[in-house]
N, C-alpha and C. Protein backbone atom coordinates (compact mmCIF):
# COMPACT_ATOMS: atom_id res chain seq x y z
N MET A 1 13.87 16.05 -10.23
CA MET A 1 14.60 15.84 -9.02
C MET A 1 15.38 14.56 -9.25
N ASP A 2 16.67 14.57 -9.12
CA ASP A 2 17.53 13.38 -9.21
C ASP A 2 18.04 13.04 -7.83
N ILE A 3 17.60 11.87 -7.39
CA ILE A 3 17.92 11.51 -6.02
C ILE A 3 18.73 10.20 -6.04
N ASN A 4 19.54 10.02 -7.03
CA ASN A 4 20.30 8.73 -7.20
C ASN A 4 21.22 8.42 -5.96
N GLN A 5 21.74 9.43 -5.32
CA GLN A 5 22.70 9.25 -4.26
C GLN A 5 22.09 8.92 -2.88
N GLN A 6 20.73 9.04 -2.79
CA GLN A 6 20.13 8.76 -1.59
C GLN A 6 19.37 7.40 -1.58
N LYS A 7 19.17 6.81 -0.42
CA LYS A 7 18.44 5.54 -0.44
C LYS A 7 16.98 5.80 -0.35
N ILE A 8 16.25 4.99 -1.08
CA ILE A 8 14.79 5.12 -1.19
C ILE A 8 14.09 3.90 -0.69
N LEU A 9 12.96 4.07 0.00
CA LEU A 9 12.14 2.89 0.40
C LEU A 9 10.95 2.96 -0.52
N LEU A 10 10.71 1.89 -1.11
CA LEU A 10 9.45 1.71 -2.01
C LEU A 10 8.53 0.72 -1.30
N LEU A 11 7.37 1.22 -0.86
CA LEU A 11 6.41 0.36 -0.23
C LEU A 11 5.36 0.14 -1.30
N THR A 12 5.22 -1.09 -1.71
CA THR A 12 4.27 -1.36 -2.81
C THR A 12 3.51 -2.67 -2.55
N GLY A 13 2.61 -3.03 -3.39
CA GLY A 13 1.91 -4.22 -3.31
C GLY A 13 2.78 -5.36 -3.89
N ILE A 14 2.08 -6.60 -3.93
CA ILE A 14 2.86 -7.71 -4.36
C ILE A 14 3.04 -7.79 -5.80
N ASN A 15 2.46 -6.89 -6.62
CA ASN A 15 2.63 -6.90 -8.10
C ASN A 15 4.00 -6.28 -8.36
N GLN A 16 4.97 -7.04 -8.73
CA GLN A 16 6.32 -6.57 -8.97
C GLN A 16 6.51 -5.97 -10.46
N LYS A 17 5.47 -6.12 -11.31
CA LYS A 17 5.60 -5.71 -12.62
C LYS A 17 5.76 -4.12 -12.80
N ILE A 18 5.23 -3.39 -11.81
CA ILE A 18 5.25 -2.01 -11.84
C ILE A 18 6.61 -1.31 -11.39
N GLU A 19 7.47 -2.06 -10.76
CA GLU A 19 8.66 -1.57 -10.27
C GLU A 19 9.47 -0.79 -11.25
N SER A 20 9.72 -1.42 -12.40
CA SER A 20 10.60 -0.69 -13.39
C SER A 20 10.00 0.63 -13.85
N GLU A 21 8.60 0.72 -13.98
CA GLU A 21 8.01 2.00 -14.23
C GLU A 21 8.21 3.01 -13.18
N ILE A 22 8.22 2.62 -11.94
CA ILE A 22 8.36 3.40 -10.83
C ILE A 22 9.80 4.09 -10.79
N TYR A 23 10.85 3.18 -11.13
CA TYR A 23 12.18 3.69 -11.23
C TYR A 23 12.29 4.80 -12.26
N GLU A 24 11.59 4.74 -13.33
CA GLU A 24 11.64 5.79 -14.36
C GLU A 24 11.02 7.01 -13.83
N VAL A 25 9.80 6.93 -13.16
CA VAL A 25 9.11 8.09 -12.62
C VAL A 25 9.92 8.84 -11.59
N ILE A 26 10.58 8.12 -10.69
CA ILE A 26 11.34 8.75 -9.68
C ILE A 26 12.76 9.02 -10.06
N ARG A 27 13.05 8.57 -11.22
CA ARG A 27 14.45 8.91 -11.81
C ARG A 27 15.56 8.34 -10.93
N THR A 28 15.48 7.02 -10.78
CA THR A 28 16.58 6.42 -9.99
C THR A 28 16.86 5.04 -10.47
N LYS A 29 17.83 4.39 -10.02
CA LYS A 29 18.20 2.98 -10.43
C LYS A 29 17.88 2.03 -9.31
N PRO A 30 17.62 0.78 -9.56
CA PRO A 30 17.16 -0.12 -8.53
C PRO A 30 18.28 -0.29 -7.46
N GLU A 31 19.45 -0.03 -7.64
CA GLU A 31 20.57 -0.28 -6.70
C GLU A 31 20.29 0.55 -5.43
N GLY A 32 19.71 1.77 -5.51
CA GLY A 32 19.48 2.69 -4.39
C GLY A 32 18.12 2.49 -3.71
N ILE A 33 17.42 1.45 -4.10
CA ILE A 33 16.05 1.25 -3.59
C ILE A 33 16.00 0.07 -2.71
N VAL A 34 15.30 0.18 -1.60
CA VAL A 34 14.92 -0.94 -0.80
C VAL A 34 13.40 -1.07 -0.92
N THR A 35 12.96 -2.24 -1.40
CA THR A 35 11.56 -2.48 -1.69
C THR A 35 10.88 -3.29 -0.60
N LEU A 36 9.81 -2.88 -0.22
CA LEU A 36 9.03 -3.68 0.84
C LEU A 36 7.64 -3.99 0.28
N HIS A 37 7.41 -5.21 -0.01
CA HIS A 37 6.16 -5.65 -0.59
C HIS A 37 5.17 -6.04 0.46
N ALA A 38 3.95 -5.61 0.28
CA ALA A 38 2.88 -6.11 1.19
C ALA A 38 1.60 -6.30 0.32
N ALA A 39 0.62 -6.88 0.93
CA ALA A 39 -0.64 -7.20 0.19
C ALA A 39 -1.44 -5.90 0.03
N GLY A 40 -0.88 -4.89 -0.68
CA GLY A 40 -1.42 -3.63 -0.77
C GLY A 40 -0.70 -2.66 0.14
N PRO A 41 -0.58 -1.36 -0.23
CA PRO A 41 0.30 -0.47 0.51
C PRO A 41 -0.30 0.21 1.73
N LEU A 42 -1.42 -0.38 2.26
CA LEU A 42 -2.04 0.31 3.39
C LEU A 42 -1.38 -0.04 4.66
N ILE A 43 -0.97 1.07 5.38
CA ILE A 43 -0.53 0.95 6.79
C ILE A 43 -1.69 1.12 7.61
N VAL A 44 -2.12 0.07 8.30
CA VAL A 44 -3.33 0.08 9.07
C VAL A 44 -3.05 0.63 10.50
N HIS A 45 -2.02 0.24 11.18
CA HIS A 45 -1.80 0.59 12.58
C HIS A 45 -0.52 1.42 12.68
N GLN A 46 -0.67 2.51 13.33
CA GLN A 46 0.51 3.43 13.59
C GLN A 46 1.66 2.67 14.23
N TYR A 47 1.28 1.80 15.06
CA TYR A 47 2.35 1.00 15.83
C TYR A 47 2.29 -0.45 15.52
N GLY A 48 1.93 -0.85 14.26
CA GLY A 48 1.84 -2.21 13.86
C GLY A 48 3.30 -2.67 13.28
N ASP A 49 3.23 -3.94 12.93
CA ASP A 49 4.45 -4.54 12.44
C ASP A 49 5.04 -3.91 11.05
N LEU A 50 4.15 -3.49 10.20
CA LEU A 50 4.58 -2.86 8.94
C LEU A 50 5.26 -1.54 9.28
N MET A 51 4.64 -0.70 10.20
CA MET A 51 5.19 0.57 10.46
C MET A 51 6.59 0.37 11.22
N ARG A 52 6.62 -0.65 12.09
CA ARG A 52 7.89 -0.94 12.71
C ARG A 52 9.06 -1.30 11.75
N THR A 53 8.67 -2.13 10.82
CA THR A 53 9.57 -2.51 9.74
C THR A 53 10.01 -1.26 8.91
N ILE A 54 9.08 -0.41 8.67
CA ILE A 54 9.49 0.82 7.84
C ILE A 54 10.42 1.65 8.67
N LEU A 55 10.15 1.82 9.97
CA LEU A 55 11.06 2.65 10.77
C LEU A 55 12.45 2.03 10.93
N LEU A 56 12.47 0.70 11.10
CA LEU A 56 13.79 -0.03 11.19
C LEU A 56 14.53 0.22 9.88
N LEU A 57 13.87 0.15 8.68
CA LEU A 57 14.58 0.35 7.45
C LEU A 57 15.07 1.82 7.35
N VAL A 58 14.28 2.79 7.80
CA VAL A 58 14.64 4.18 7.71
C VAL A 58 15.93 4.38 8.57
N TYR A 59 15.99 3.85 9.67
CA TYR A 59 17.12 4.04 10.54
C TYR A 59 18.33 3.19 10.14
N SER A 60 18.13 1.93 9.80
CA SER A 60 19.20 1.02 9.51
C SER A 60 19.81 1.28 8.14
N GLU A 61 19.01 1.61 7.19
CA GLU A 61 19.44 1.79 5.78
C GLU A 61 19.72 3.24 5.36
N GLY A 62 19.36 4.15 6.33
CA GLY A 62 19.53 5.62 5.94
C GLY A 62 18.65 6.10 4.92
N ILE A 63 17.37 5.70 4.97
CA ILE A 63 16.30 5.99 3.97
C ILE A 63 16.04 7.52 4.10
N LYS A 64 15.96 8.17 2.98
CA LYS A 64 15.77 9.61 2.93
C LYS A 64 14.43 9.97 2.21
N ASP A 65 13.94 8.94 1.48
CA ASP A 65 12.63 9.19 0.73
C ASP A 65 11.86 7.88 0.74
N ILE A 66 10.51 8.03 0.94
CA ILE A 66 9.68 6.82 0.94
C ILE A 66 8.57 7.11 -0.02
N TYR A 67 8.32 6.10 -0.83
CA TYR A 67 7.33 6.14 -1.84
C TYR A 67 6.29 5.05 -1.56
N VAL A 68 5.07 5.36 -1.26
CA VAL A 68 3.96 4.50 -1.10
C VAL A 68 3.27 4.40 -2.41
N VAL A 69 3.17 3.16 -2.92
CA VAL A 69 2.70 3.00 -4.37
C VAL A 69 1.45 2.10 -4.35
N GLY A 70 0.45 2.61 -4.95
CA GLY A 70 -0.69 1.88 -5.17
C GLY A 70 -1.05 1.68 -6.68
N VAL A 71 -1.84 0.69 -6.94
CA VAL A 71 -2.18 0.32 -8.37
C VAL A 71 -3.65 0.22 -8.45
N HIS A 72 -4.25 0.84 -9.52
CA HIS A 72 -5.66 0.81 -9.77
C HIS A 72 -6.14 -0.63 -9.80
N GLU A 73 -7.31 -0.90 -9.34
CA GLU A 73 -7.83 -2.31 -9.14
C GLU A 73 -7.67 -3.16 -10.38
N GLN A 74 -7.86 -2.70 -11.57
CA GLN A 74 -7.74 -3.45 -12.71
C GLN A 74 -6.37 -4.06 -13.05
N HIS A 75 -5.38 -3.31 -12.45
CA HIS A 75 -4.01 -3.80 -12.55
C HIS A 75 -3.45 -4.51 -11.38
N TYR A 76 -4.30 -4.56 -10.36
CA TYR A 76 -3.82 -4.96 -9.04
C TYR A 76 -3.85 -6.48 -8.85
N ASN A 77 -4.80 -7.23 -9.47
CA ASN A 77 -4.99 -8.61 -9.25
C ASN A 77 -3.85 -9.41 -9.68
N ILE A 78 -3.60 -10.41 -8.99
CA ILE A 78 -2.52 -11.38 -9.42
C ILE A 78 -3.08 -12.22 -10.42
N ASP A 79 -2.37 -12.61 -11.45
CA ASP A 79 -2.79 -13.48 -12.50
C ASP A 79 -3.22 -14.88 -11.80
N ASP A 80 -4.39 -15.33 -12.21
CA ASP A 80 -4.89 -16.65 -11.77
C ASP A 80 -5.11 -16.76 -10.33
N ALA A 81 -5.22 -15.67 -9.57
CA ALA A 81 -5.52 -15.68 -8.14
C ALA A 81 -6.92 -16.19 -7.93
N PRO A 82 -7.16 -17.03 -7.00
CA PRO A 82 -8.57 -17.46 -6.71
C PRO A 82 -9.32 -16.35 -6.07
N ASN A 83 -10.62 -16.35 -6.18
CA ASN A 83 -11.47 -15.38 -5.51
C ASN A 83 -11.48 -15.77 -4.07
N LEU A 84 -10.87 -14.95 -3.28
CA LEU A 84 -10.71 -15.26 -1.82
C LEU A 84 -12.07 -15.45 -1.10
N TYR A 85 -13.03 -14.65 -1.39
CA TYR A 85 -14.33 -14.70 -0.69
C TYR A 85 -14.88 -16.10 -1.05
N ASP A 86 -14.93 -16.47 -2.35
CA ASP A 86 -15.56 -17.79 -2.75
C ASP A 86 -14.92 -18.90 -2.07
N HIS A 87 -13.54 -18.76 -2.05
CA HIS A 87 -12.69 -19.90 -1.37
C HIS A 87 -13.07 -19.96 0.11
N LEU A 88 -13.16 -18.83 0.80
CA LEU A 88 -13.51 -18.95 2.25
C LEU A 88 -15.05 -19.48 2.40
N TYR A 89 -15.84 -18.95 1.55
CA TYR A 89 -17.25 -19.37 1.73
C TYR A 89 -17.43 -20.82 1.52
N ARG A 90 -16.71 -21.48 0.62
CA ARG A 90 -16.86 -22.91 0.48
C ARG A 90 -16.49 -23.71 1.72
N ASN A 91 -15.69 -23.13 2.54
CA ASN A 91 -15.27 -23.79 3.83
C ASN A 91 -16.35 -23.47 4.88
N LEU A 92 -17.03 -24.50 5.28
CA LEU A 92 -18.17 -24.29 6.22
C LEU A 92 -17.78 -23.65 7.54
N GLU A 93 -16.50 -23.88 7.94
CA GLU A 93 -16.00 -23.25 9.20
C GLU A 93 -16.07 -21.73 9.15
N PHE A 94 -15.95 -21.14 7.94
CA PHE A 94 -15.93 -19.68 7.85
C PHE A 94 -17.23 -18.99 7.51
N ARG A 95 -18.34 -19.77 7.12
CA ARG A 95 -19.50 -19.12 6.66
C ARG A 95 -20.07 -18.19 7.66
N ASP A 96 -20.20 -18.61 8.90
CA ASP A 96 -20.78 -17.78 9.92
C ASP A 96 -19.92 -16.54 10.16
N LYS A 97 -18.65 -16.78 10.22
CA LYS A 97 -17.69 -15.66 10.47
C LYS A 97 -17.78 -14.67 9.31
N LEU A 98 -17.96 -15.18 8.11
CA LEU A 98 -18.02 -14.24 6.92
C LEU A 98 -19.29 -13.40 7.07
N GLN A 99 -20.38 -13.95 7.49
CA GLN A 99 -21.63 -13.19 7.70
C GLN A 99 -21.48 -12.18 8.75
N VAL A 100 -20.85 -12.41 9.85
CA VAL A 100 -20.63 -11.49 10.87
C VAL A 100 -19.83 -10.35 10.44
N ILE A 101 -18.75 -10.70 9.81
CA ILE A 101 -17.79 -9.60 9.31
C ILE A 101 -18.42 -8.83 8.25
N ASP A 102 -19.20 -9.49 7.38
CA ASP A 102 -19.95 -8.64 6.33
C ASP A 102 -20.86 -7.69 7.00
N TYR A 103 -21.55 -8.10 8.09
CA TYR A 103 -22.49 -7.27 8.75
C TYR A 103 -21.70 -5.96 9.28
N LEU A 104 -20.51 -6.30 9.92
CA LEU A 104 -19.69 -5.17 10.45
C LEU A 104 -19.28 -4.15 9.30
N PHE A 105 -19.01 -4.72 8.17
CA PHE A 105 -18.61 -3.82 7.03
C PHE A 105 -19.93 -3.00 6.71
N SER A 106 -21.04 -3.69 6.48
CA SER A 106 -22.20 -3.02 5.97
C SER A 106 -22.74 -2.03 6.98
N SER A 107 -22.43 -2.13 8.24
CA SER A 107 -22.89 -1.21 9.24
C SER A 107 -21.93 -0.13 9.59
N ASN A 108 -20.95 -0.03 8.74
CA ASN A 108 -19.86 0.90 8.91
C ASN A 108 -19.08 0.83 10.25
N GLN A 109 -18.91 -0.35 10.75
CA GLN A 109 -18.18 -0.50 11.96
C GLN A 109 -16.74 -0.94 11.76
N ILE A 110 -16.35 -0.99 10.44
CA ILE A 110 -15.00 -1.28 10.05
C ILE A 110 -14.46 -0.03 9.30
N GLU A 111 -13.11 0.03 9.28
CA GLU A 111 -12.44 1.24 8.77
C GLU A 111 -12.89 1.87 7.46
N PHE A 112 -13.22 1.07 6.38
CA PHE A 112 -13.69 1.62 5.18
C PHE A 112 -15.19 1.58 5.07
N PRO A 113 -15.84 2.76 5.10
CA PRO A 113 -17.22 2.71 4.97
C PRO A 113 -17.69 2.51 3.54
N ASN A 114 -18.92 2.05 3.36
CA ASN A 114 -19.49 1.83 2.02
C ASN A 114 -18.78 0.80 1.29
N ILE A 115 -18.34 -0.25 1.83
CA ILE A 115 -17.68 -1.41 1.29
C ILE A 115 -18.14 -2.69 1.92
N SER A 116 -18.20 -3.72 0.99
CA SER A 116 -18.63 -4.98 1.55
C SER A 116 -17.35 -5.88 1.91
N LEU A 117 -17.55 -6.93 2.56
CA LEU A 117 -16.46 -7.84 2.86
C LEU A 117 -15.88 -8.42 1.59
N LYS A 118 -16.75 -8.74 0.68
CA LYS A 118 -16.33 -9.30 -0.62
C LYS A 118 -15.41 -8.34 -1.40
N GLU A 119 -15.90 -7.04 -1.44
CA GLU A 119 -15.01 -5.95 -2.07
C GLU A 119 -13.66 -5.86 -1.36
N TRP A 120 -13.72 -5.89 -0.04
CA TRP A 120 -12.41 -5.72 0.72
C TRP A 120 -11.48 -6.92 0.45
N LEU A 121 -12.05 -8.11 0.41
CA LEU A 121 -11.26 -9.30 0.19
C LEU A 121 -10.64 -9.28 -1.30
N ALA A 122 -11.44 -8.70 -2.18
CA ALA A 122 -10.99 -8.60 -3.58
C ALA A 122 -9.78 -7.62 -3.76
N GLY A 123 -9.75 -6.59 -2.88
CA GLY A 123 -8.73 -5.62 -2.88
C GLY A 123 -8.79 -4.69 -4.07
N GLY A 124 -8.01 -3.67 -3.91
CA GLY A 124 -7.72 -2.78 -5.06
C GLY A 124 -8.72 -1.67 -5.36
N LYS A 125 -9.93 -1.71 -4.78
CA LYS A 125 -10.92 -0.74 -5.15
C LYS A 125 -10.65 0.59 -4.47
N PHE A 126 -10.03 0.55 -3.30
CA PHE A 126 -9.74 1.83 -2.53
C PHE A 126 -8.31 2.05 -2.36
N VAL A 127 -7.49 1.80 -3.43
CA VAL A 127 -6.09 1.83 -3.37
C VAL A 127 -5.69 3.38 -3.17
N HIS A 128 -6.33 4.22 -4.01
CA HIS A 128 -5.98 5.65 -3.90
C HIS A 128 -6.12 6.21 -2.44
N GLU A 129 -7.24 5.85 -1.85
CA GLU A 129 -7.44 6.32 -0.39
C GLU A 129 -6.56 5.62 0.50
N SER A 130 -6.18 4.31 0.26
CA SER A 130 -5.18 3.60 1.15
C SER A 130 -3.81 4.28 1.03
N VAL A 131 -3.33 4.62 -0.11
CA VAL A 131 -2.06 5.22 -0.34
C VAL A 131 -2.10 6.60 0.40
N HIS A 132 -3.16 7.39 0.21
CA HIS A 132 -3.27 8.77 0.92
C HIS A 132 -3.14 8.50 2.42
N ARG A 133 -3.89 7.58 3.00
CA ARG A 133 -3.88 7.34 4.40
C ARG A 133 -2.54 6.92 4.91
N SER A 134 -1.91 6.07 4.13
CA SER A 134 -0.57 5.53 4.53
C SER A 134 0.48 6.78 4.48
N VAL A 135 0.36 7.58 3.50
CA VAL A 135 1.30 8.67 3.40
C VAL A 135 1.17 9.59 4.63
N GLU A 136 -0.08 9.85 4.98
CA GLU A 136 -0.36 10.77 6.10
C GLU A 136 0.12 10.11 7.41
N MET A 137 -0.16 8.87 7.57
CA MET A 137 0.25 8.16 8.75
C MET A 137 1.88 8.20 8.92
N LEU A 138 2.55 7.91 7.84
CA LEU A 138 3.98 8.02 7.82
C LEU A 138 4.43 9.48 8.17
N ARG A 139 3.88 10.35 7.50
CA ARG A 139 4.31 11.80 7.78
C ARG A 139 4.08 12.27 9.22
N ASN A 140 2.99 11.73 9.84
CA ASN A 140 2.59 12.17 11.24
C ASN A 140 3.17 11.30 12.29
N HIS A 141 3.86 10.27 11.94
CA HIS A 141 4.33 9.30 12.98
C HIS A 141 5.40 9.98 13.80
N PRO A 142 5.29 10.02 15.11
CA PRO A 142 6.27 10.71 15.98
C PRO A 142 7.68 10.22 15.88
N LEU A 143 7.91 8.92 15.40
CA LEU A 143 9.25 8.49 15.33
C LEU A 143 9.93 8.56 14.03
N MET A 144 9.12 9.09 13.02
CA MET A 144 9.63 9.30 11.67
C MET A 144 10.59 10.57 11.59
N PRO A 145 11.84 10.42 11.23
CA PRO A 145 12.67 11.67 11.19
C PRO A 145 12.02 12.73 10.22
N SER A 146 12.15 13.93 10.65
CA SER A 146 11.58 15.06 9.89
C SER A 146 12.24 15.21 8.60
N ASP A 147 13.41 14.72 8.46
CA ASP A 147 14.03 14.97 7.14
C ASP A 147 13.72 13.89 6.04
N VAL A 148 12.87 12.98 6.40
CA VAL A 148 12.49 11.94 5.51
C VAL A 148 11.31 12.42 4.62
N ARG A 149 11.52 12.44 3.32
CA ARG A 149 10.42 12.87 2.50
C ARG A 149 9.47 11.67 2.13
N ILE A 150 8.25 11.92 2.20
CA ILE A 150 7.23 10.80 1.92
C ILE A 150 6.35 11.22 0.80
N TYR A 151 6.13 10.31 -0.19
CA TYR A 151 5.37 10.57 -1.39
C TYR A 151 4.39 9.40 -1.62
N GLY A 152 3.34 9.74 -2.25
CA GLY A 152 2.38 8.78 -2.66
C GLY A 152 2.31 8.66 -4.17
N LEU A 153 2.37 7.46 -4.74
CA LEU A 153 2.33 7.24 -6.12
C LEU A 153 1.15 6.36 -6.41
N PHE A 154 0.45 6.52 -7.54
CA PHE A 154 -0.72 5.70 -7.88
C PHE A 154 -0.80 5.48 -9.38
N GLN A 155 -0.79 4.18 -9.78
CA GLN A 155 -0.99 3.90 -11.11
C GLN A 155 -2.46 3.88 -11.49
N ASN A 156 -2.92 4.74 -12.33
CA ASN A 156 -4.31 4.83 -12.59
C ASN A 156 -4.79 3.89 -13.60
N GLU A 157 -6.09 3.91 -14.04
CA GLU A 157 -6.62 2.97 -14.95
C GLU A 157 -5.94 3.08 -16.31
N GLY A 158 -5.31 4.15 -16.62
CA GLY A 158 -4.64 4.32 -17.90
C GLY A 158 -3.12 3.89 -17.81
N ARG A 159 -2.77 3.40 -16.73
CA ARG A 159 -1.46 2.89 -16.42
C ARG A 159 -0.38 4.00 -16.21
N GLU A 160 -0.89 5.28 -16.02
CA GLU A 160 0.04 6.38 -15.77
C GLU A 160 0.27 6.35 -14.30
N ILE A 161 1.53 6.67 -13.98
CA ILE A 161 1.85 6.77 -12.58
C ILE A 161 1.77 8.19 -12.15
N VAL A 162 0.88 8.51 -11.30
CA VAL A 162 0.56 9.89 -10.83
C VAL A 162 1.10 10.02 -9.41
N GLN A 163 1.74 11.20 -9.17
CA GLN A 163 2.29 11.48 -7.78
C GLN A 163 1.29 12.35 -7.06
N PHE A 164 1.04 11.95 -5.79
CA PHE A 164 0.16 12.72 -5.00
C PHE A 164 0.93 14.00 -4.57
N PRO A 165 0.33 14.98 -3.96
CA PRO A 165 1.09 16.19 -3.58
C PRO A 165 2.32 15.62 -2.79
N SER A 166 3.43 16.33 -3.05
CA SER A 166 4.71 15.80 -2.49
C SER A 166 4.75 16.22 -1.03
N VAL A 167 5.92 16.50 -0.50
CA VAL A 167 6.17 16.68 0.83
C VAL A 167 5.38 17.80 1.45
N LEU A 168 5.20 17.75 2.78
CA LEU A 168 4.49 18.79 3.53
C LEU A 168 5.09 20.22 3.35
């Protein structure tokens, strides 16, 4: 499918190294792409800031295709990024808060079951699920135009970019 004449929104993490590979997979040039970087491609709230930004881009830029892109955890980390949990734990102000939040994670009172606070802060482990949830949230949003096609892409551990089932 060659969609060079249409505008595309690329929702991806902060790792920009993957962008050129995505252009090849979706067979388009960077000129027709609007890229929105976030600290992971997860849309958490149906009426949150990220969703509002996506909707604004869809309407203001005439976006016809949205690609939510996730990267396997071993490719996700930023080079030389500090371990966020250790950084927060060293700060005495956050120790009690970290224990409370970790309890909420361990007792499944937070969105992702079977994950610890430390794993969540490290990011990347549940990218596949995050992409799937984000795609579904976009597809089912009442303000998303029905003619906008929404796809999920995932770079697996072998660095292949795999497309989720396409449009509904």
